[in-house]
């Protein structure tokens, strides 16, 4: 007697096999579409059309998933050839880090949300810290310089990414409207260039700003080391006046 056909739409045989690459690509789709905070094991399973238990063969939890996603992205970025001169090494590594973050700005939100990082991306950090030490900084000062560069880079990437998202809107931007209508008596320096503010602010000045930041901090670190006053900024304040919290 012939076996009756399987119900329409039903699955037979083994469940589909999901590779790590497929998981990472699906996770990125969710982040791009819904934001990193909506990336959960359950949402990822639904995106892939598999059971959540299938994913636990590849990831332990959401944090592990995010770390793997960061590594998957970083692994696909070619590492720059670093120059021997330590200052140039800092600039090349920082510029490569900026380019990687600009290529996927959503990764910045993941990195800054819980201080997560993929091990593959630590090459940029190591190069910046090593370059700073090569310029005469102590390890503590080198980490301080890296953090300065990180904050500057992350801020620049996020601001420009948001600006690009708003660029497709036909609605006038509130900021541009405000700048174009400034009172010259109240804002004597801003009012004359208010109608050009959008144009001026859109200029890509990352390279110039990075050089100014690095050169300024390295000069300050050399002066500190020559004078014997080293340590973190909190240790370099005048002990007579209490530090003001911001």
Protein backbone atom coordinates (compact mmCIF):
# COMPACT_ATOMS: atom_id res chain seq x y z
CA UNK A 1 0.00 0.00 0.00
CA UNK A 2 1.63 3.36 -1.01
CA UNK A 3 2.64 5.78 1.76
CA UNK A 4 0.38 8.88 1.92
CA UNK A 5 2.03 12.14 0.81
CA UNK A 6 3.41 14.49 3.45
CA UNK A 7 1.10 17.35 4.43
CA UNK A 8 1.50 20.45 2.28
CA UNK A 9 4.16 22.79 3.67
CA UNK A 10 5.50 20.19 6.10
CA UNK A 11 9.20 19.41 6.51
CA UNK A 12 10.70 15.96 6.19
CA UNK A 13 14.17 14.64 6.84
CA UNK A 14 16.88 16.36 8.87
CA UNK A 15 16.53 20.01 9.95
CA UNK A 16 18.43 22.53 7.83
CA UNK A 17 22.12 23.00 8.68
CA UNK A 18 23.02 26.60 9.43
CA UNK A 19 26.63 27.72 9.02
CA UNK A 20 28.39 30.37 11.10
CA UNK A 21 28.66 32.61 8.03
CA UNK A 22 24.89 32.42 7.47
CA UNK A 23 24.29 33.23 11.12
CA UNK A 24 26.57 36.26 10.99
CA UNK A 25 25.00 37.59 7.80
CA UNK A 26 21.51 37.18 9.24
CA UNK A 27 22.60 38.91 12.45
CA UNK A 28 23.92 41.83 10.46
CA UNK A 29 20.65 42.11 8.54
CA UNK A 30 18.77 42.42 11.82
CA UNK A 31 21.18 45.05 13.12
CA UNK A 32 20.94 47.07 9.90
CA UNK A 33 17.16 46.81 9.76
CA UNK A 34 16.09 46.94 13.40
CA UNK A 35 19.08 48.04 15.46
CA UNK A 36 21.55 46.02 17.57
CA UNK A 37 19.29 46.03 20.64
CA UNK A 38 16.68 44.01 18.68
CA UNK A 39 19.23 41.30 17.91
CA UNK A 40 18.26 38.33 20.09
CA UNK A 41 18.67 34.60 19.72
CA UNK A 42 14.92 34.29 19.17
CA UNK A 43 14.88 37.04 16.51
CA UNK A 44 17.90 35.51 14.78
CA UNK A 45 16.29 32.07 14.74
CA UNK A 46 13.17 33.54 13.16
CA UNK A 47 15.28 35.36 10.55
CA UNK A 48 16.99 32.10 9.61
CA UNK A 49 13.88 29.95 9.84
CA UNK A 50 15.39 27.56 12.37
CA UNK A 51 14.78 26.68 16.00
CA UNK A 52 16.59 28.63 18.70
CA UNK A 53 18.24 25.43 19.93
CA UNK A 54 20.02 25.14 16.57
CA UNK A 55 21.77 28.46 17.18
CA UNK A 56 23.05 27.44 20.60
CA UNK A 57 25.43 25.07 18.82
CA UNK A 58 27.14 28.21 17.49
CA UNK A 59 26.58 30.95 20.10
CA UNK A 60 26.20 30.89 23.88
CA UNK A 61 24.12 34.02 24.37
CA UNK A 62 23.54 37.50 22.96
CA UNK A 63 26.88 38.85 24.17
CA UNK A 64 28.73 35.99 22.52
CA UNK A 65 26.72 36.61 19.35
CA UNK A 66 27.70 40.29 19.30
CA UNK A 67 31.37 39.49 19.93
CA UNK A 68 31.34 36.97 17.09
CA UNK A 69 29.61 39.48 14.84
CA UNK A 70 32.31 42.07 15.56
CA UNK A 71 35.00 39.53 14.81
CA UNK A 72 33.27 38.41 11.61
CA UNK A 73 33.21 42.00 10.37
CA UNK A 74 36.81 42.78 11.40
CA UNK A 75 38.16 39.56 9.86
CA UNK A 76 36.99 40.69 6.43
CA UNK A 77 38.91 43.98 6.57
CA UNK A 78 42.46 43.94 5.21
CA UNK A 79 45.00 45.10 7.78
CA UNK A 80 47.03 48.14 6.64
CA UNK A 81 50.79 47.94 6.20
CA UNK A 82 52.19 49.86 9.14
CA UNK A 83 55.16 52.19 8.64
CA UNK A 84 58.23 52.02 10.87
CA UNK A 85 58.01 55.64 12.03
CA UNK A 86 55.91 55.57 15.24
CA UNK A 87 53.93 58.77 14.65
CA UNK A 88 52.98 57.63 11.16
CA UNK A 89 52.06 54.24 12.59
CA UNK A 90 49.55 55.92 14.90
CA UNK A 91 48.02 57.88 12.03
CA UNK A 92 47.79 54.90 9.67
CA UNK A 93 46.22 52.65 12.30
CA UNK A 94 43.74 55.31 13.41
CA UNK A 95 42.78 56.08 9.82
CA UNK A 96 42.21 52.37 9.13
CA UNK A 97 40.06 52.11 12.26
CA UNK A 98 38.05 55.14 11.11
CA UNK A 99 37.53 53.62 7.66
CA UNK A 100 36.33 50.33 9.18
CA UNK A 101 33.84 52.08 11.45
CA UNK A 102 32.63 54.31 8.62
CA UNK A 103 32.02 51.19 6.53
CA UNK A 104 29.48 49.96 9.10
CA UNK A 105 28.53 52.74 11.55
CA UNK A 106 26.14 50.43 13.42
CA UNK A 107 29.19 48.64 14.78
CA UNK A 108 30.03 51.75 16.81
CA UNK A 109 26.80 51.42 18.77
CA UNK A 110 27.63 47.79 19.56
CA UNK A 111 31.18 48.66 20.63
CA UNK A 112 30.14 51.52 22.87
CA UNK A 113 27.05 49.89 24.38
CA UNK A 114 28.88 47.41 26.61
CA UNK A 115 32.56 47.99 25.81
CA UNK A 116 32.52 44.90 23.61
CA UNK A 117 35.29 44.31 21.12
CA UNK A 118 36.33 41.66 18.64
CA UNK A 119 39.86 40.35 19.14
CA UNK A 120 40.54 40.78 15.41
CA UNK A 121 40.14 44.56 15.77
CA UNK A 122 42.77 44.82 18.51
CA UNK A 123 45.50 45.12 15.88
CA UNK A 124 44.57 48.79 15.41
CA UNK A 125 44.66 49.38 19.17
CA UNK A 126 48.03 47.64 19.50
CA UNK A 127 49.49 49.69 16.65
CA UNK A 128 48.33 53.00 18.17
CA UNK A 129 49.58 52.10 21.65
CA UNK A 130 52.86 50.81 20.23
CA UNK A 131 53.33 53.93 18.13
CA UNK A 132 52.75 56.14 21.15
CA UNK A 133 55.31 54.19 23.18
CA UNK A 134 57.69 54.50 20.25
CA UNK A 135 57.22 58.28 20.46
CA UNK A 136 58.32 58.26 24.10
CA UNK A 137 55.01 57.80 25.91
CA UNK A 138 54.67 55.56 28.94
CA UNK A 139 52.23 52.65 28.60
CA UNK A 140 49.71 54.61 30.67
CA UNK A 141 50.10 57.67 28.45
CA UNK A 142 49.85 55.50 25.32
CA UNK A 143 46.48 54.13 26.47
CA UNK A 144 45.37 57.69 27.24
CA UNK A 145 46.30 58.77 23.71
CA UNK A 146 44.44 55.80 22.23
CA UNK A 147 41.31 56.71 24.21
CA UNK A 148 41.56 60.31 22.98
CA UNK A 149 41.74 59.04 19.39
CA UNK A 150 38.89 56.58 20.00
CA UNK A 151 36.51 59.23 21.35
CA UNK A 152 37.37 61.62 18.52
CA UNK A 153 36.91 58.90 15.87
CA UNK A 154 33.67 57.49 17.26
CA UNK A 155 32.12 60.95 17.55
CA UNK A 156 33.07 61.82 13.99
CA UNK A 157 31.72 58.54 12.60
CA UNK A 158 28.38 58.79 14.42
CA UNK A 159 27.77 62.44 13.54
CA UNK A 160 28.48 61.87 9.85
CA UNK A 161 26.45 58.65 9.73
CA UNK A 162 23.45 60.45 11.18
CA UNK A 163 23.96 63.31 8.73
CA UNK A 164 23.92 60.87 5.80
CA UNK A 165 20.70 59.29 7.05
CA UNK A 166 19.05 62.71 7.22
CA UNK A 167 20.36 63.76 3.81
CA UNK A 168 17.63 61.84 2.00
CA UNK A 169 14.86 63.84 3.65
CA UNK A 170 13.23 66.75 1.81
CA UNK A 171 12.36 68.45 5.08
CA UNK A 172 14.65 71.38 6.00
CA UNK A 173 16.98 70.54 8.85
CA UNK A 174 16.23 72.40 12.05
CA UNK A 175 19.87 73.22 12.68
CA UNK A 176 20.33 74.80 9.24
CA UNK A 177 17.20 76.90 9.70
CA UNK A 178 18.45 78.17 13.06
CA UNK A 179 21.91 79.03 11.78
CA UNK A 180 20.54 80.85 8.75
CA UNK A 181 18.41 83.12 10.92
CA UNK A 182 20.85 84.05 13.70
CA UNK A 183 20.75 87.55 15.18
CA UNK A 184 23.98 89.35 14.24
CA UNK A 185 24.05 91.37 17.45
CA UNK A 186 23.73 88.33 19.67
CA UNK A 187 25.98 86.07 17.58
CA UNK A 188 28.37 88.43 15.76
CA UNK A 189 30.73 85.68 14.60
CA UNK A 190 28.24 82.97 13.69
CA UNK A 191 25.62 85.09 11.93
CA UNK A 192 27.82 86.09 8.94
CA UNK A 193 28.52 82.44 8.11
CA UNK A 194 25.21 80.97 9.29
CA UNK A 195 23.86 80.35 5.80
CA UNK A 196 27.08 78.45 4.96
CA UNK A 197 27.19 76.38 8.13
CA UNK A 198 25.80 73.21 6.53
CA UNK A 199 28.39 73.41 3.75
CA UNK A 200 31.27 74.05 6.14
CA UNK A 201 30.20 71.37 8.61
CA UNK A 202 29.92 68.78 5.83
CA UNK A 203 33.61 69.01 4.94
CA UNK A 204 35.67 65.91 5.73
CA UNK A 205 38.32 67.14 8.17
CA UNK A 206 39.06 63.87 9.96
CA UNK A 207 42.65 63.59 8.71
CA UNK A 208 43.50 67.16 9.72
CA UNK A 209 41.81 66.76 13.09
CA UNK A 210 43.57 63.46 13.75
CA UNK A 211 46.99 64.95 13.00
CA UNK A 212 46.29 67.93 15.25
CA UNK A 213 45.11 65.67 18.06
CA UNK A 214 48.05 63.27 17.83
CA UNK A 215 50.71 65.96 17.47
CA UNK A 216 49.23 68.04 20.28
CA UNK A 217 49.00 65.12 22.70
CA UNK A 218 52.48 63.80 21.85
CA UNK A 219 53.97 67.27 22.43
CA UNK A 220 52.15 67.50 25.77
CA UNK A 221 53.34 64.05 26.80
CA UNK A 222 56.94 64.90 25.99
CA UNK A 223 56.68 68.07 28.06
CA UNK A 224 55.18 66.12 30.95
CA UNK A 225 57.91 63.50 30.86
CA UNK A 226 60.67 66.12 30.68
CA UNK A 227 59.23 67.96 33.66
CA UNK A 228 58.66 64.75 35.62
CA UNK A 229 54.87 65.33 35.91
CA UNK A 230 53.28 62.16 34.57
CA UNK A 231 50.16 60.16 35.12
CA UNK A 232 46.51 60.48 34.21
CA UNK A 233 44.85 63.91 33.83
CA UNK A 234 43.33 63.56 37.31
CA UNK A 235 46.85 63.36 38.76
CA UNK A 236 48.02 66.48 36.94
CA UNK A 237 45.54 68.93 38.41
CA UNK A 238 46.59 71.65 40.78
CA UNK A 239 46.25 70.00 44.23
CA UNK A 240 45.15 73.27 45.78
CA UNK A 241 41.96 73.57 43.74
CA UNK A 242 39.48 70.67 43.86
CA UNK A 243 38.53 69.04 40.57
CA UNK A 244 35.15 70.03 39.19
CA UNK A 245 32.90 67.17 38.19
CA UNK A 246 31.11 67.50 34.85
